[in-house]
Amino acid sequence: MNNCVLLEELLIKKSQQKRRTSPSNFKVRFFVLTKSKLAYYEDRHGKKRTLKGYVELSRIKYVEIVKSDIIIPCQYKYPFQIVHDNYILYVFAPNRESRQRWLLYVSESLLLSV
């Protein structure tokens, strides 16, 4: 029941910089939102998706649009952030509608998971 897919899409994720020496990079990931978690997978053409990470919804504090004057160095120009534990997951959607859909679904899922 908790594995029911609410939303899924290819988005771009910025590295989380968990270590001081880790590079700042951007990767295309296949995001999947279920009733219990937000997971992201490496999606290579012709190969099985590989889980790269996930965040339990119970650990997410909030999700919001990122407003910045800095040039976005990837082709998806609609950023939002998912704040969890002590980290911020920066995600880039391909268009405004996609970003709004993710904000709405994640926010509603947070309310339902409490």
N, C-alpha and C. Protein backbone atom coordinates (compact mmCIF):
# COMPACT_ATOMS: atom_id res chain seq x y z
N MET A 1 0.82 -1.20 0.00
CA MET A 1 0.00 0.00 0.00
C MET A 1 0.87 1.26 0.00
N ASN A 2 1.96 1.28 0.80
CA ASN A 2 2.83 2.44 0.83
C ASN A 2 3.70 2.56 -0.41
N ASN A 3 3.76 1.51 -1.23
CA ASN A 3 4.56 1.55 -2.44
C ASN A 3 3.76 2.06 -3.63
N CYS A 4 2.55 2.50 -3.43
CA CYS A 4 1.72 3.04 -4.49
C CYS A 4 2.39 4.30 -5.04
N VAL A 5 2.65 4.32 -6.34
CA VAL A 5 3.33 5.46 -6.96
C VAL A 5 2.34 6.61 -7.13
N LEU A 6 2.68 7.75 -6.54
CA LEU A 6 1.86 8.95 -6.65
C LEU A 6 2.30 9.83 -7.81
N LEU A 7 3.63 9.85 -8.06
CA LEU A 7 4.18 10.72 -9.10
C LEU A 7 5.55 10.18 -9.47
N GLU A 8 5.88 10.25 -10.77
CA GLU A 8 7.20 9.84 -11.22
C GLU A 8 7.58 10.65 -12.46
N GLU A 9 8.89 10.98 -12.56
CA GLU A 9 9.34 11.80 -13.68
C GLU A 9 10.86 11.90 -13.67
N LEU A 10 11.42 12.13 -14.85
CA LEU A 10 12.85 12.44 -14.95
C LEU A 10 13.06 13.89 -14.55
N LEU A 11 13.91 14.10 -13.56
CA LEU A 11 14.26 15.44 -13.08
C LEU A 11 15.78 15.49 -12.94
N ILE A 12 16.31 16.65 -12.66
CA ILE A 12 17.75 16.79 -12.43
C ILE A 12 17.97 17.07 -10.95
N LYS A 13 18.94 16.36 -10.38
CA LYS A 13 19.29 16.50 -8.97
C LYS A 13 20.70 17.07 -8.86
N LYS A 14 20.86 18.02 -7.97
CA LYS A 14 22.19 18.57 -7.68
C LYS A 14 22.82 17.73 -6.57
N SER A 15 24.12 17.49 -6.67
CA SER A 15 24.80 16.73 -5.63
C SER A 15 24.58 17.40 -4.28
N GLN A 16 24.53 16.60 -3.22
CA GLN A 16 24.20 17.13 -1.90
C GLN A 16 25.39 17.67 -1.14
N GLN A 17 26.60 17.51 -1.67
CA GLN A 17 27.79 18.07 -1.03
C GLN A 17 27.91 17.63 0.42
N LYS A 18 27.71 16.35 0.69
CA LYS A 18 27.79 15.85 2.06
C LYS A 18 29.22 15.85 2.59
N ARG A 19 30.19 15.82 1.69
CA ARG A 19 31.59 15.92 2.09
C ARG A 19 32.17 17.20 1.51
N ARG A 20 33.09 17.78 2.23
CA ARG A 20 33.68 19.05 1.79
C ARG A 20 34.33 18.96 0.41
N THR A 21 34.91 17.82 0.09
CA THR A 21 35.64 17.69 -1.16
C THR A 21 34.80 17.16 -2.32
N SER A 22 33.52 16.87 -2.07
CA SER A 22 32.70 16.34 -3.16
C SER A 22 32.39 17.45 -4.16
N PRO A 23 32.43 17.11 -5.45
CA PRO A 23 32.19 18.13 -6.48
C PRO A 23 30.70 18.48 -6.57
N SER A 24 30.44 19.67 -7.06
CA SER A 24 29.07 20.08 -7.31
C SER A 24 28.73 19.63 -8.72
N ASN A 25 27.79 18.70 -8.83
CA ASN A 25 27.41 18.24 -10.17
C ASN A 25 25.90 18.04 -10.25
N PHE A 26 25.44 17.84 -11.44
CA PHE A 26 24.01 17.71 -11.71
C PHE A 26 23.79 16.42 -12.49
N LYS A 27 22.84 15.61 -12.03
CA LYS A 27 22.57 14.32 -12.66
C LYS A 27 21.09 14.18 -12.95
N VAL A 28 20.79 13.60 -14.10
CA VAL A 28 19.41 13.27 -14.42
C VAL A 28 19.05 12.03 -13.61
N ARG A 29 17.96 12.10 -12.90
CA ARG A 29 17.49 10.99 -12.08
C ARG A 29 16.00 10.78 -12.31
N PHE A 30 15.56 9.55 -12.19
CA PHE A 30 14.15 9.21 -12.29
C PHE A 30 13.59 9.24 -10.88
N PHE A 31 12.77 10.24 -10.57
CA PHE A 31 12.20 10.41 -9.24
C PHE A 31 10.86 9.70 -9.14
N VAL A 32 10.65 9.05 -8.00
CA VAL A 32 9.40 8.34 -7.73
C VAL A 32 8.92 8.72 -6.33
N LEU A 33 7.71 9.25 -6.26
CA LEU A 33 7.09 9.60 -4.98
C LEU A 33 6.04 8.55 -4.66
N THR A 34 6.16 7.94 -3.47
CA THR A 34 5.14 7.01 -2.99
C THR A 34 4.55 7.59 -1.70
N LYS A 35 3.67 6.86 -1.07
CA LYS A 35 3.06 7.34 0.17
C LYS A 35 4.04 7.37 1.33
N SER A 36 5.19 6.71 1.19
CA SER A 36 6.12 6.65 2.31
C SER A 36 7.49 7.28 2.03
N LYS A 37 7.86 7.43 0.74
CA LYS A 37 9.19 7.97 0.46
C LYS A 37 9.30 8.61 -0.91
N LEU A 38 10.36 9.39 -1.04
CA LEU A 38 10.73 9.98 -2.32
C LEU A 38 12.06 9.32 -2.70
N ALA A 39 12.06 8.56 -3.78
CA ALA A 39 13.26 7.85 -4.20
C ALA A 39 13.72 8.38 -5.55
N TYR A 40 15.03 8.24 -5.81
CA TYR A 40 15.54 8.61 -7.12
C TYR A 40 16.49 7.55 -7.63
N TYR A 41 16.41 7.32 -8.93
CA TYR A 41 17.11 6.22 -9.57
C TYR A 41 17.96 6.73 -10.72
N GLU A 42 19.04 6.02 -10.98
CA GLU A 42 19.81 6.24 -12.21
C GLU A 42 19.02 5.55 -13.31
N ASP A 43 18.80 6.23 -14.40
CA ASP A 43 17.96 5.71 -15.48
C ASP A 43 18.78 5.68 -16.76
N ARG A 44 19.47 4.57 -16.99
CA ARG A 44 20.28 4.45 -18.21
C ARG A 44 19.49 3.66 -19.24
N HIS A 45 19.46 4.19 -20.45
CA HIS A 45 18.69 3.60 -21.54
C HIS A 45 19.04 2.12 -21.72
N GLY A 46 18.02 1.27 -21.73
CA GLY A 46 18.22 -0.15 -21.97
C GLY A 46 18.67 -0.94 -20.75
N LYS A 47 18.80 -0.30 -19.61
CA LYS A 47 19.25 -1.00 -18.40
C LYS A 47 18.22 -0.82 -17.30
N LYS A 48 18.28 -1.71 -16.33
CA LYS A 48 17.37 -1.63 -15.18
C LYS A 48 17.73 -0.40 -14.34
N ARG A 49 16.71 0.29 -13.86
CA ARG A 49 16.95 1.46 -12.98
C ARG A 49 17.66 1.03 -11.71
N THR A 50 18.61 1.87 -11.28
CA THR A 50 19.38 1.61 -10.07
C THR A 50 19.04 2.66 -9.02
N LEU A 51 18.60 2.21 -7.86
CA LEU A 51 18.28 3.14 -6.77
C LEU A 51 19.55 3.86 -6.34
N LYS A 52 19.52 5.19 -6.36
CA LYS A 52 20.68 5.99 -5.95
C LYS A 52 20.47 6.64 -4.58
N GLY A 53 19.22 6.78 -4.17
CA GLY A 53 18.95 7.37 -2.87
C GLY A 53 17.45 7.54 -2.65
N TYR A 54 17.11 7.80 -1.41
CA TYR A 54 15.70 8.07 -1.09
C TYR A 54 15.63 8.83 0.22
N VAL A 55 14.47 9.44 0.43
CA VAL A 55 14.19 10.16 1.67
C VAL A 55 12.81 9.70 2.14
N GLU A 56 12.76 9.21 3.37
CA GLU A 56 11.46 8.85 3.95
C GLU A 56 10.66 10.14 4.13
N LEU A 57 9.38 10.11 3.81
CA LEU A 57 8.55 11.31 3.95
C LEU A 57 8.54 11.82 5.39
N SER A 58 8.65 10.93 6.33
CA SER A 58 8.64 11.35 7.74
C SER A 58 9.86 12.20 8.10
N ARG A 59 10.91 12.17 7.27
CA ARG A 59 12.13 12.93 7.54
C ARG A 59 12.14 14.29 6.81
N ILE A 60 11.20 14.49 5.89
CA ILE A 60 11.14 15.74 5.14
C ILE A 60 10.47 16.81 5.99
N LYS A 61 11.15 17.95 6.11
CA LYS A 61 10.61 19.06 6.90
C LYS A 61 9.69 19.93 6.05
N TYR A 62 10.14 20.27 4.84
CA TYR A 62 9.31 21.04 3.92
C TYR A 62 9.89 21.00 2.52
N VAL A 63 9.08 21.46 1.57
CA VAL A 63 9.48 21.55 0.17
C VAL A 63 9.05 22.93 -0.32
N GLU A 64 9.93 23.59 -1.11
CA GLU A 64 9.59 24.94 -1.57
C GLU A 64 10.35 25.28 -2.85
N ILE A 65 9.88 26.31 -3.53
CA ILE A 65 10.54 26.84 -4.73
C ILE A 65 11.83 27.53 -4.32
N VAL A 66 12.86 27.36 -5.12
CA VAL A 66 14.13 28.05 -4.89
C VAL A 66 14.16 29.26 -5.81
N LYS A 67 14.36 30.43 -5.20
CA LYS A 67 14.49 31.66 -5.99
C LYS A 67 15.94 32.08 -5.94
N SER A 68 16.53 32.27 -7.12
CA SER A 68 17.94 32.61 -7.18
C SER A 68 18.24 33.44 -8.41
N ASP A 69 19.19 34.35 -8.26
CA ASP A 69 19.64 35.15 -9.40
C ASP A 69 20.84 34.50 -10.09
N ILE A 70 21.30 33.39 -9.53
CA ILE A 70 22.45 32.68 -10.09
C ILE A 70 22.01 31.92 -11.34
N ILE A 71 22.85 31.88 -12.33
CA ILE A 71 22.57 31.14 -13.56
C ILE A 71 22.51 29.65 -13.24
N ILE A 72 21.47 28.99 -13.68
CA ILE A 72 21.30 27.56 -13.43
C ILE A 72 22.09 26.79 -14.49
N PRO A 73 23.07 25.98 -14.06
CA PRO A 73 23.96 25.32 -15.01
C PRO A 73 23.46 23.98 -15.57
N CYS A 74 22.16 23.77 -15.61
CA CYS A 74 21.63 22.56 -16.24
C CYS A 74 20.44 22.95 -17.11
N GLN A 75 19.97 22.02 -17.94
CA GLN A 75 18.93 22.39 -18.90
C GLN A 75 17.54 22.52 -18.28
N TYR A 76 17.34 22.04 -17.07
CA TYR A 76 16.05 22.19 -16.40
C TYR A 76 16.13 23.45 -15.54
N LYS A 77 15.28 24.41 -15.79
CA LYS A 77 15.42 25.75 -15.19
C LYS A 77 14.42 26.08 -14.08
N TYR A 78 13.74 25.08 -13.54
CA TYR A 78 12.72 25.33 -12.52
C TYR A 78 13.07 24.59 -11.23
N PRO A 79 13.91 25.22 -10.38
CA PRO A 79 14.39 24.55 -9.16
C PRO A 79 13.40 24.58 -8.00
N PHE A 80 13.50 23.53 -7.18
CA PHE A 80 12.83 23.50 -5.89
C PHE A 80 13.71 22.71 -4.94
N GLN A 81 13.46 22.87 -3.66
CA GLN A 81 14.29 22.19 -2.67
C GLN A 81 13.43 21.38 -1.72
N ILE A 82 14.01 20.25 -1.30
CA ILE A 82 13.38 19.37 -0.34
C ILE A 82 14.31 19.34 0.87
N VAL A 83 13.85 19.90 1.96
CA VAL A 83 14.67 19.99 3.16
C VAL A 83 14.34 18.80 4.06
N HIS A 84 15.38 18.03 4.39
CA HIS A 84 15.20 16.85 5.25
C HIS A 84 16.41 16.71 6.16
N ASP A 85 16.17 16.22 7.35
CA ASP A 85 17.24 16.06 8.34
C ASP A 85 18.11 17.32 8.33
N ASN A 86 19.40 17.18 8.05
CA ASN A 86 20.29 18.34 7.98
C ASN A 86 20.73 18.63 6.56
N TYR A 87 19.99 18.13 5.59
CA TYR A 87 20.38 18.27 4.18
C TYR A 87 19.30 18.96 3.38
N ILE A 88 19.72 19.48 2.25
CA ILE A 88 18.79 20.07 1.29
C ILE A 88 19.01 19.36 -0.03
N LEU A 89 17.94 18.81 -0.58
CA LEU A 89 17.98 18.15 -1.88
C LEU A 89 17.47 19.16 -2.91
N TYR A 90 18.36 19.59 -3.80
CA TYR A 90 17.98 20.53 -4.86
C TYR A 90 17.58 19.75 -6.09
N VAL A 91 16.38 20.04 -6.59
CA VAL A 91 15.83 19.33 -7.73
C VAL A 91 15.40 20.36 -8.77
N PHE A 92 15.59 20.01 -10.04
CA PHE A 92 15.27 20.92 -11.14
C PHE A 92 14.27 20.25 -12.07
N ALA A 93 13.14 20.92 -12.26
CA ALA A 93 12.08 20.41 -13.12
C ALA A 93 12.21 21.03 -14.52
N PRO A 94 11.67 20.35 -15.54
CA PRO A 94 11.80 20.86 -16.91
C PRO A 94 10.90 22.06 -17.22
N ASN A 95 9.84 22.24 -16.43
CA ASN A 95 8.93 23.38 -16.68
C ASN A 95 8.19 23.75 -15.39
N ARG A 96 7.51 24.86 -15.45
CA ARG A 96 6.80 25.39 -14.27
C ARG A 96 5.71 24.43 -13.79
N GLU A 97 4.98 23.82 -14.72
CA GLU A 97 3.89 22.92 -14.37
C GLU A 97 4.41 21.69 -13.63
N SER A 98 5.51 21.15 -14.10
CA SER A 98 6.12 20.00 -13.46
C SER A 98 6.53 20.34 -12.03
N ARG A 99 7.19 21.48 -11.88
CA ARG A 99 7.62 21.90 -10.54
C ARG A 99 6.42 22.05 -9.61
N GLN A 100 5.36 22.69 -10.07
CA GLN A 100 4.17 22.89 -9.25
C GLN A 100 3.55 21.56 -8.85
N ARG A 101 3.53 20.62 -9.79
CA ARG A 101 2.97 19.29 -9.51
C ARG A 101 3.77 18.60 -8.40
N TRP A 102 5.11 18.64 -8.48
CA TRP A 102 5.95 18.03 -7.45
C TRP A 102 5.77 18.71 -6.10
N LEU A 103 5.72 20.03 -6.09
CA LEU A 103 5.52 20.75 -4.82
C LEU A 103 4.19 20.36 -4.18
N LEU A 104 3.16 20.30 -4.99
CA LEU A 104 1.82 19.96 -4.49
C LEU A 104 1.78 18.53 -3.96
N TYR A 105 2.27 17.58 -4.74
CA TYR A 105 2.19 16.17 -4.34
C TYR A 105 3.04 15.88 -3.12
N VAL A 106 4.26 16.42 -3.06
CA VAL A 106 5.11 16.18 -1.91
C VAL A 106 4.49 16.84 -0.66
N SER A 107 4.02 18.07 -0.78
CA SER A 107 3.41 18.78 0.35
C SER A 107 2.19 18.01 0.86
N GLU A 108 1.33 17.57 -0.03
CA GLU A 108 0.14 16.82 0.38
C GLU A 108 0.52 15.49 1.02
N SER A 109 1.55 14.84 0.49
CA SER A 109 2.01 13.57 1.05
C SER A 109 2.57 13.77 2.46
N LEU A 110 3.22 14.90 2.70
CA LEU A 110 3.74 15.20 4.04
C LEU A 110 2.59 15.33 5.04
N LEU A 111 1.54 15.99 4.61
CA LEU A 111 0.38 16.16 5.51
C LEU A 111 -0.28 14.82 5.83
N LEU A 112 -0.33 13.94 4.84
CA LEU A 112 -0.97 12.63 5.04
C LEU A 112 -0.11 11.67 5.85
N SER A 113 1.21 11.90 5.84
CA SER A 113 2.11 10.97 6.54
C SER A 113 2.28 11.30 8.02
N VAL A 114 1.72 12.42 8.46
CA VAL A 114 1.86 12.83 9.87
C VAL A 114 0.94 12.03 10.75
